[in-house]
Structures are given as C-alpha cells and as structure tokens.
Amino acid sequence: MQRRRKLRNPLALAVLAMLWQKPMHPYEIAQTLRRQGKDSSTKINYGSLYTVVQNLEKHGFVEVTDVERQGNRPERTVYGITADGRQETTEWMSDLVAFPAKEFPVFETALSLLAVLPPDDVARLLEERLKVLDVQAASERGALEKLYETLPRLFLVESEYALHMVEAEAEWVRGFLAEVREGTLPGIEEWKAYHVP
C-alpha cells in the first residue's frame, strides 16, 4: 500500500538520488541532474532547487556535511543524505515503481473537452499532432540507438519508456483520427450538429 509522503515533489526524489551518489552542494546537484539527463524525465526548476534541499533538511532526509569556499566565491553548503533519507528514497521509489498513480496530462484534459471544437477542426489538429509525434518518436528512437552504444540499458529505461509512450499516443491518435475522418466515431453526427449555427 502506498503511504503518504512528507514531500511529494519529484525534484526532491531526484535530489535524494543524486545525494545517494555522494554529498554535493545544490549547484553541483543541478549540474549532475543535467549531465545525467534527468532533466528530460523530471521537471527541474533550478530556482526552487534550494528550497527543495531546505525542505529535505527540515525533514531530516539530508544534512550539511561541509561548507566549501573557493577563492572569492561565496560559501557553498554541501549536503549528504541521511539514513532516514536513504530509507525515504527506497520507500518512495518502491511506491512509484509498484503503484500506478493517476496523473493529469494536458492532452487528456483536451480530449475530455473535445466537443467544443468541430470534428473537421479536430481532425486537422490531430493530423498536426500526429506529425509532431512521428518526428518526436523518430528523433527519440535515433538518440536511444546512439546512447545504447555507450551506456548500459539500465540508465536508458526512462528514455525507452518515454519513446513507447510517444509511440502509443501516436497509434491511438491515428486510430481516433481515422474514426473522425471516416465518420465512424459513435456520436459524430450529434457532434457535427452541435456546431451547426
């Protein structure tokens, strides 16, 4: 059973995972996230990174391990993960992997309100979306093939998942678009009538 977390911001989880590797200051955390490509799978607001680190410290998941100063630069506080932080990371990751969560993608919102647009407009817009999805899938597939040459698959599973989600969306859009174009979508006549002035 999924338990309620003190922190639910995915950036907090990403910070804990980075600190699992070694103690770092927030700027180094941000650089490591970017270098490891985590900014493509986690929405990273670098402006709020310091607030996230402070919240993790407040809850006892990270602690100050050092304060560095190099030349005339300002002091940098280095944080390390605590035993509670390791436990929180393990439990949080276990919950995320084991239990599907209801997410609210904006495309799903648009689909739920689709009737406000005329069917012909929807078909045209879905054709545009499909072109973008096909280009995105081809680009991601190419990038992934290149990355397989240098990285173990374990470090690319989120990219594989993202590619499959794009391909699945494109397949669904293709099928739905065909129903709209061919007029076989149940209720399409009422939908069209709704837009007759």
C-alpha atoms as a PDB file:
ATOM      1  CA  MET A   1       0.000   0.000   0.000  1.00  0.00           C
ATOM      2  CA  GLN A   2       1.318   3.435  -0.942  1.00  0.00           C
ATOM      3  CA  ARG A   3       1.988   5.638   2.076  1.00  0.00           C
ATOM      4  CA  ARG A   4       1.607   9.359   2.330  1.00  0.00           C
ATOM      5  CA  ARG A   5       4.902  11.187   1.842  1.00  0.00           C
ATOM      6  CA  LYS A   6       6.100  14.227   3.744  1.00  0.00           C
ATOM      7  CA  LEU A   7       7.422  15.536   0.421  1.00  0.00           C
ATOM      8  CA  ARG A   8       5.856  14.678  -2.941  1.00  0.00           C
ATOM      9  CA  ASN A   9       7.829  16.866  -5.323  1.00  0.00           C
ATOM     10  CA  PRO A  10       9.635  14.600  -7.840  1.00  0.00           C
ATOM     11  CA  LEU A  11      12.552  17.051  -7.738  1.00  0.00           C
ATOM     12  CA  ALA A  12      13.029  16.142  -4.061  1.00  0.00           C
ATOM     13  CA  LEU A  13      13.306  12.488  -5.043  1.00  0.00           C
ATOM     14  CA  ALA A  14      15.813  13.363  -7.768  1.00  0.00           C
ATOM     15  CA  VAL A  15      17.885  15.341  -5.223  1.00  0.00           C
ATOM     16  CA  LEU A  16      17.877  12.387  -2.816  1.00  0.00           C
ATOM     17  CA  ALA A  17      19.013  10.088  -5.638  1.00  0.00           C
ATOM     18  CA  MET A  18      21.850  12.455  -6.550  1.00  0.00           C
ATOM     19  CA  LEU A  19      22.960  12.684  -2.919  1.00  0.00           C
ATOM     20  CA  TRP A  20      22.850   8.885  -2.716  1.00  0.00           C
ATOM     21  CA  GLN A  21      25.811   9.007  -5.126  1.00  0.00           C
ATOM     22  CA  LYS A  22      27.846  11.417  -2.984  1.00  0.00           C
ATOM     23  CA  PRO A  23      27.484  14.631  -0.919  1.00  0.00           C
ATOM     24  CA  MET A  24      27.064  17.731  -3.116  1.00  0.00           C
ATOM     25  CA  HIS A  25      26.137  21.396  -2.959  1.00  0.00           C
ATOM     26  CA  PRO A  26      22.890  22.404  -4.730  1.00  0.00           C
ATOM     27  CA  TYR A  27      24.632  23.808  -7.791  1.00  0.00           C
ATOM     28  CA  GLU A  28      26.520  20.530  -8.235  1.00  0.00           C
ATOM     29  CA  ILE A  29      23.238  18.622  -7.806  1.00  0.00           C
ATOM     30  CA  ALA A  30      21.735  20.689 -10.629  1.00  0.00           C
ATOM     31  CA  GLN A  31      24.780  20.090 -12.848  1.00  0.00           C
ATOM     32  CA  THR A  32      24.712  16.351 -12.146  1.00  0.00           C
ATOM     33  CA  LEU A  33      20.989  16.135 -12.911  1.00  0.00           C
ATOM     34  CA  ARG A  34      21.588  17.892 -16.213  1.00  0.00           C
ATOM     35  CA  ARG A  35      24.710  15.857 -17.068  1.00  0.00           C
ATOM     36  CA  GLN A  36      22.911  12.572 -16.347  1.00  0.00           C
ATOM     37  CA  GLY A  37      19.943  13.624 -18.476  1.00  0.00           C
ATOM     38  CA  LYS A  38      17.468  13.596 -15.587  1.00  0.00           C
ATOM     39  CA  ASP A  39      16.078  16.932 -16.759  1.00  0.00           C
ATOM     40  CA  SER A  40      14.338  15.060 -19.581  1.00  0.00           C
ATOM     41  CA  SER A  41      12.365  12.858 -17.171  1.00  0.00           C
ATOM     42  CA  THR A  42      11.925  15.157 -14.168  1.00  0.00           C
ATOM     43  CA  LYS A  43      10.670  18.714 -14.298  1.00  0.00           C
ATOM     44  CA  ILE A  44      13.602  20.559 -12.783  1.00  0.00           C
ATOM     45  CA  ASN A  45      13.050  24.110 -11.665  1.00  0.00           C
ATOM     46  CA  TYR A  46      16.563  25.145 -10.736  1.00  0.00           C
ATOM     47  CA  GLY A  47      15.214  28.220  -8.935  1.00  0.00           C
ATOM     48  CA  SER A  48      13.354  26.031  -6.454  1.00  0.00           C
ATOM     49  CA  LEU A  49      16.190  23.553  -6.001  1.00  0.00           C
ATOM     50  CA  TYR A  50      17.499  25.359  -2.912  1.00  0.00           C
ATOM     51  CA  THR A  51      14.009  25.333  -1.369  1.00  0.00           C
ATOM     52  CA  VAL A  52      13.716  21.600  -2.057  1.00  0.00           C
ATOM     53  CA  VAL A  53      17.079  20.968  -0.384  1.00  0.00           C
ATOM     54  CA  GLN A  54      15.993  23.060   2.635  1.00  0.00           C
ATOM     55  CA  ASN A  55      12.761  21.054   2.906  1.00  0.00           C
ATOM     56  CA  LEU A  56      14.702  17.796   2.737  1.00  0.00           C
ATOM     57  CA  GLU A  57      16.963  19.083   5.507  1.00  0.00           C
ATOM     58  CA  LYS A  58      13.962  20.179   7.596  1.00  0.00           C
ATOM     59  CA  HIS A  59      12.527  16.652   7.407  1.00  0.00           C
ATOM     60  CA  GLY A  60      15.867  15.055   8.297  1.00  0.00           C
ATOM     61  CA  PHE A  61      16.466  13.448   4.903  1.00  0.00           C
ATOM     62  CA  VAL A  62      19.658  15.395   4.170  1.00  0.00           C
ATOM     63  CA  GLU A  63      22.191  17.155   6.368  1.00  0.00           C
ATOM     64  CA  VAL A  64      25.040  19.596   5.987  1.00  0.00           C
ATOM     65  CA  THR A  65      28.310  17.690   5.635  1.00  0.00           C
ATOM     66  CA  ASP A  66      30.642  20.538   4.750  1.00  0.00           C
ATOM     67  CA  VAL A  67      30.889  24.208   3.840  1.00  0.00           C
ATOM     68  CA  GLU A  68      33.303  24.915   0.982  1.00  0.00           C
ATOM     69  CA  ARG A  69      34.875  28.151  -0.075  1.00  0.00           C
ATOM     70  CA  GLN A  70      36.991  28.560  -3.195  1.00  0.00           C
ATOM     71  CA  GLY A  71      38.810  31.849  -3.658  1.00  0.00           C
ATOM     72  CA  ASN A  72      36.483  34.851  -3.754  1.00  0.00           C
ATOM     73  CA  ARG A  73      33.387  32.740  -4.437  1.00  0.00           C
ATOM     74  CA  PRO A  74      30.587  32.616  -1.861  1.00  0.00           C
ATOM     75  CA  GLU A  75      30.477  29.699   0.543  1.00  0.00           C
ATOM     76  CA  ARG A  76      28.840  26.542  -0.750  1.00  0.00           C
ATOM     77  CA  THR A  77      26.992  24.283   1.622  1.00  0.00           C
ATOM     78  CA  VAL A  78      27.490  20.603   0.850  1.00  0.00           C
ATOM     79  CA  TYR A  79      24.642  18.240   1.729  1.00  0.00           C
ATOM     80  CA  GLY A  80      24.682  14.497   2.242  1.00  0.00           C
ATOM     81  CA  ILE A  81      21.849  12.022   2.510  1.00  0.00           C
ATOM     82  CA  THR A  82      20.965  10.722   5.994  1.00  0.00           C
ATOM     83  CA  ALA A  83      19.912   7.193   6.991  1.00  0.00           C
ATOM     84  CA  ASP A  84      16.311   8.478   7.094  1.00  0.00           C
ATOM     85  CA  GLY A  85      16.849   9.963   3.640  1.00  0.00           C
ATOM     86  CA  ARG A  86      18.038   6.619   2.269  1.00  0.00           C
ATOM     87  CA  GLN A  87      15.004   4.901   3.761  1.00  0.00           C
ATOM     88  CA  GLU A  88      12.664   7.584   2.381  1.00  0.00           C
ATOM     89  CA  THR A  89      14.250   7.271  -1.073  1.00  0.00           C
ATOM     90  CA  THR A  90      13.906   3.477  -1.050  1.00  0.00           C
ATOM     91  CA  GLU A  91      10.271   3.558   0.114  1.00  0.00           C
ATOM     92  CA  TRP A  92       9.327   6.393  -2.253  1.00  0.00           C
ATOM     93  CA  MET A  93      10.933   4.670  -5.247  1.00  0.00           C
ATOM     94  CA  SER A  94       9.271   1.375  -4.294  1.00  0.00           C
ATOM     95  CA  ASP A  95       5.864   3.080  -4.206  1.00  0.00           C
ATOM     96  CA  LEU A  96       6.417   4.786  -7.570  1.00  0.00           C
ATOM     97  CA  VAL A  97       7.519   1.578  -9.260  1.00  0.00           C
ATOM     98  CA  ALA A  98       4.820  -0.642  -7.713  1.00  0.00           C
ATOM     99  CA  PHE A  99       1.688   1.534  -7.706  1.00  0.00           C
ATOM    100  CA  PRO A 100       0.288   3.342 -10.752  1.00  0.00           C
ATOM    101  CA  ALA A 101      -0.651   6.928  -9.891  1.00  0.00           C
ATOM    102  CA  LYS A 102      -3.346   8.966 -11.585  1.00  0.00           C
ATOM    103  CA  GLU A 103      -1.630  11.718 -13.499  1.00  0.00           C
ATOM    104  CA  PHE A 104      -3.327  14.569 -15.312  1.00  0.00           C
ATOM    105  CA  PRO A 105      -1.694  15.107 -18.707  1.00  0.00           C
ATOM    106  CA  VAL A 106      -2.960  18.213 -20.505  1.00  0.00           C
ATOM    107  CA  PHE A 107      -3.741  16.217 -23.662  1.00  0.00           C
ATOM    108  CA  GLU A 108      -6.135  14.078 -21.639  1.00  0.00           C
ATOM    109  CA  THR A 109      -7.796  17.272 -20.403  1.00  0.00           C
ATOM    110  CA  ALA A 110      -8.118  18.491 -24.002  1.00  0.00           C
ATOM    111  CA  LEU A 111      -9.650  15.162 -25.066  1.00  0.00           C
ATOM    112  CA  SER A 112     -12.198  15.363 -22.256  1.00  0.00           C
ATOM    113  CA  LEU A 113     -13.360  18.751 -23.636  1.00  0.00           C
ATOM    114  CA  LEU A 114     -13.003  17.924 -27.334  1.00  0.00           C
ATOM    115  CA  ALA A 115     -16.663  18.528 -28.213  1.00  0.00           C
ATOM    116  CA  VAL A 116     -16.146  22.311 -28.062  1.00  0.00           C
ATOM    117  CA  LEU A 117     -14.286  22.068 -31.391  1.00  0.00           C
ATOM    118  CA  PRO A 118     -15.928  21.000 -34.661  1.00  0.00           C
ATOM    119  CA  PRO A 119     -14.941  17.490 -35.864  1.00  0.00           C
ATOM    120  CA  ASP A 120     -13.224  18.830 -39.014  1.00  0.00           C
ATOM    121  CA  ASP A 121     -11.056  21.135 -36.892  1.00  0.00           C
ATOM    122  CA  VAL A 122     -10.244  18.270 -34.531  1.00  0.00           C
ATOM    123  CA  ALA A 123      -9.185  16.098 -37.460  1.00  0.00           C
ATOM    124  CA  ARG A 124      -6.896  18.827 -38.808  1.00  0.00           C
ATOM    125  CA  LEU A 125      -5.377  19.450 -35.383  1.00  0.00           C
ATOM    126  CA  LEU A 126      -4.857  15.740 -34.728  1.00  0.00           C
ATOM    127  CA  GLU A 127      -3.066  15.445 -38.069  1.00  0.00           C
ATOM    128  CA  GLU A 128      -0.700  18.195 -36.903  1.00  0.00           C
ATOM    129  CA  ARG A 129      -0.203  16.432 -33.586  1.00  0.00           C
ATOM    130  CA  LEU A 130       0.481  13.135 -35.348  1.00  0.00           C
ATOM    131  CA  LYS A 131       3.206  14.710 -37.498  1.00  0.00           C
ATOM    132  CA  VAL A 132       4.873  16.106 -34.367  1.00  0.00           C
ATOM    133  CA  LEU A 133       4.582  12.758 -32.552  1.00  0.00           C
ATOM    134  CA  ASP A 134       6.062  10.864 -35.505  1.00  0.00           C
ATOM    135  CA  VAL A 135       9.026  13.245 -35.704  1.00  0.00           C
ATOM    136  CA  GLN A 136       9.485  13.076 -31.927  1.00  0.00           C
ATOM    137  CA  ALA A 137       9.394   9.261 -31.948  1.00  0.00           C
ATOM    138  CA  ALA A 138      11.915   9.049 -34.796  1.00  0.00           C
ATOM    139  CA  SER A 139      14.213  11.519 -33.054  1.00  0.00           C
ATOM    140  CA  GLU A 140      13.984   9.733 -29.706  1.00  0.00           C
ATOM    141  CA  ARG A 141      14.495   6.338 -31.366  1.00  0.00           C
ATOM    142  CA  GLY A 142      17.625   7.614 -33.115  1.00  0.00           C
ATOM    143  CA  ALA A 143      19.011   9.171 -29.944  1.00  0.00           C
ATOM    144  CA  LEU A 144      18.325   5.990 -27.999  1.00  0.00           C
ATOM    145  CA  GLU A 145      20.118   3.812 -30.561  1.00  0.00           C
ATOM    146  CA  LYS A 146      23.144   6.104 -30.282  1.00  0.00           C
ATOM    147  CA  LEU A 147      23.041   6.014 -26.464  1.00  0.00           C
ATOM    148  CA  TYR A 148      22.891   2.192 -26.432  1.00  0.00           C
ATOM    149  CA  GLU A 149      26.399   2.273 -27.887  1.00  0.00           C
ATOM    150  CA  THR A 150      27.875   3.942 -24.805  1.00  0.00           C
ATOM    151  CA  LEU A 151      25.520   3.410 -21.847  1.00  0.00           C
ATOM    152  CA  PRO A 152      24.112   0.318 -20.156  1.00  0.00           C
ATOM    153  CA  ARG A 153      20.396  -0.133 -20.809  1.00  0.00           C
ATOM    154  CA  LEU A 154      19.645   0.350 -17.090  1.00  0.00           C
ATOM    155  CA  PHE A 155      20.457   4.035 -17.498  1.00  0.00           C
ATOM    156  CA  LEU A 156      18.191   4.393 -20.528  1.00  0.00           C
ATOM    157  CA  VAL A 157      14.963   2.749 -19.355  1.00  0.00           C
ATOM    158  CA  GLU A 158      13.241   6.106 -18.761  1.00  0.00           C
ATOM    159  CA  SER A 159      14.076   7.092 -22.343  1.00  0.00           C
ATOM    160  CA  GLU A 160      12.724   3.751 -23.603  1.00  0.00           C
ATOM    161  CA  TYR A 161       9.539   4.326 -21.616  1.00  0.00           C
ATOM    162  CA  ALA A 162       9.159   7.867 -22.972  1.00  0.00           C
ATOM    163  CA  LEU A 163       9.607   6.595 -26.543  1.00  0.00           C
ATOM    164  CA  HIS A 164       6.993   3.875 -26.043  1.00  0.00           C
ATOM    165  CA  MET A 165       4.552   6.412 -24.609  1.00  0.00           C
ATOM    166  CA  VAL A 166       5.010   8.671 -27.651  1.00  0.00           C
ATOM    167  CA  GLU A 167       4.538   5.691 -29.995  1.00  0.00           C
ATOM    168  CA  ALA A 168       1.441   4.528 -28.097  1.00  0.00           C
ATOM    169  CA  GLU A 169      -0.055   8.025 -28.237  1.00  0.00           C
ATOM    170  CA  ALA A 170       0.645   8.239 -31.973  1.00  0.00           C
ATOM    171  CA  GLU A 171      -1.030   4.871 -32.539  1.00  0.00           C
ATOM    172  CA  TRP A 172      -4.115   5.950 -30.585  1.00  0.00           C
ATOM    173  CA  VAL A 173      -4.300   9.329 -32.354  1.00  0.00           C
ATOM    174  CA  ARG A 174      -4.013   7.552 -35.730  1.00  0.00           C
ATOM    175  CA  GLY A 175      -6.963   5.279 -34.904  1.00  0.00           C
ATOM    176  CA  PHE A 176      -9.140   8.038 -33.439  1.00  0.00           C
ATOM    177  CA  LEU A 177      -8.345  10.354 -36.344  1.00  0.00           C
ATOM    178  CA  ALA A 178      -9.427   7.650 -38.818  1.00  0.00           C
ATOM    179  CA  GLU A 179     -12.772   7.311 -36.995  1.00  0.00           C
ATOM    180  CA  VAL A 180     -13.329  11.079 -37.124  1.00  0.00           C
ATOM    181  CA  ARG A 181     -12.292  11.318 -40.810  1.00  0.00           C
ATOM    182  CA  GLU A 182     -14.380   8.301 -41.877  1.00  0.00           C
ATOM    183  CA  GLY A 183     -17.380   9.343 -39.783  1.00  0.00           C
ATOM    184  CA  THR A 184     -17.446   6.011 -37.921  1.00  0.00           C
ATOM    185  CA  LEU A 185     -16.983   7.529 -34.456  1.00  0.00           C
ATOM    186  CA  PRO A 186     -20.174   6.845 -32.472  1.00  0.00           C
ATOM    187  CA  GLY A 187     -21.983  10.144 -31.836  1.00  0.00           C
ATOM    188  CA  ILE A 188     -20.167  12.072 -34.569  1.00  0.00           C
ATOM    189  CA  GLU A 189     -23.417  13.239 -36.197  1.00  0.00           C
ATOM    190  CA  GLU A 190     -24.555  14.812 -32.897  1.00  0.00           C
ATOM    191  CA  TRP A 191     -21.103  16.336 -32.528  1.00  0.00           C
ATOM    192  CA  LYS A 192     -21.349  17.897 -36.002  1.00  0.00           C
ATOM    193  CA  ALA A 193     -24.914  19.108 -35.326  1.00  0.00           C
ATOM    194  CA  TYR A 194     -23.703  20.786 -32.139  1.00  0.00           C
ATOM    195  CA  HIS A 195     -21.562  23.089 -34.298  1.00  0.00           C
ATOM    196  CA  VAL A 196     -24.195  23.975 -36.875  1.00  0.00           C
ATOM    197  CA  PRO A 197     -25.105  27.667 -36.338  1.00  0.00           C
END
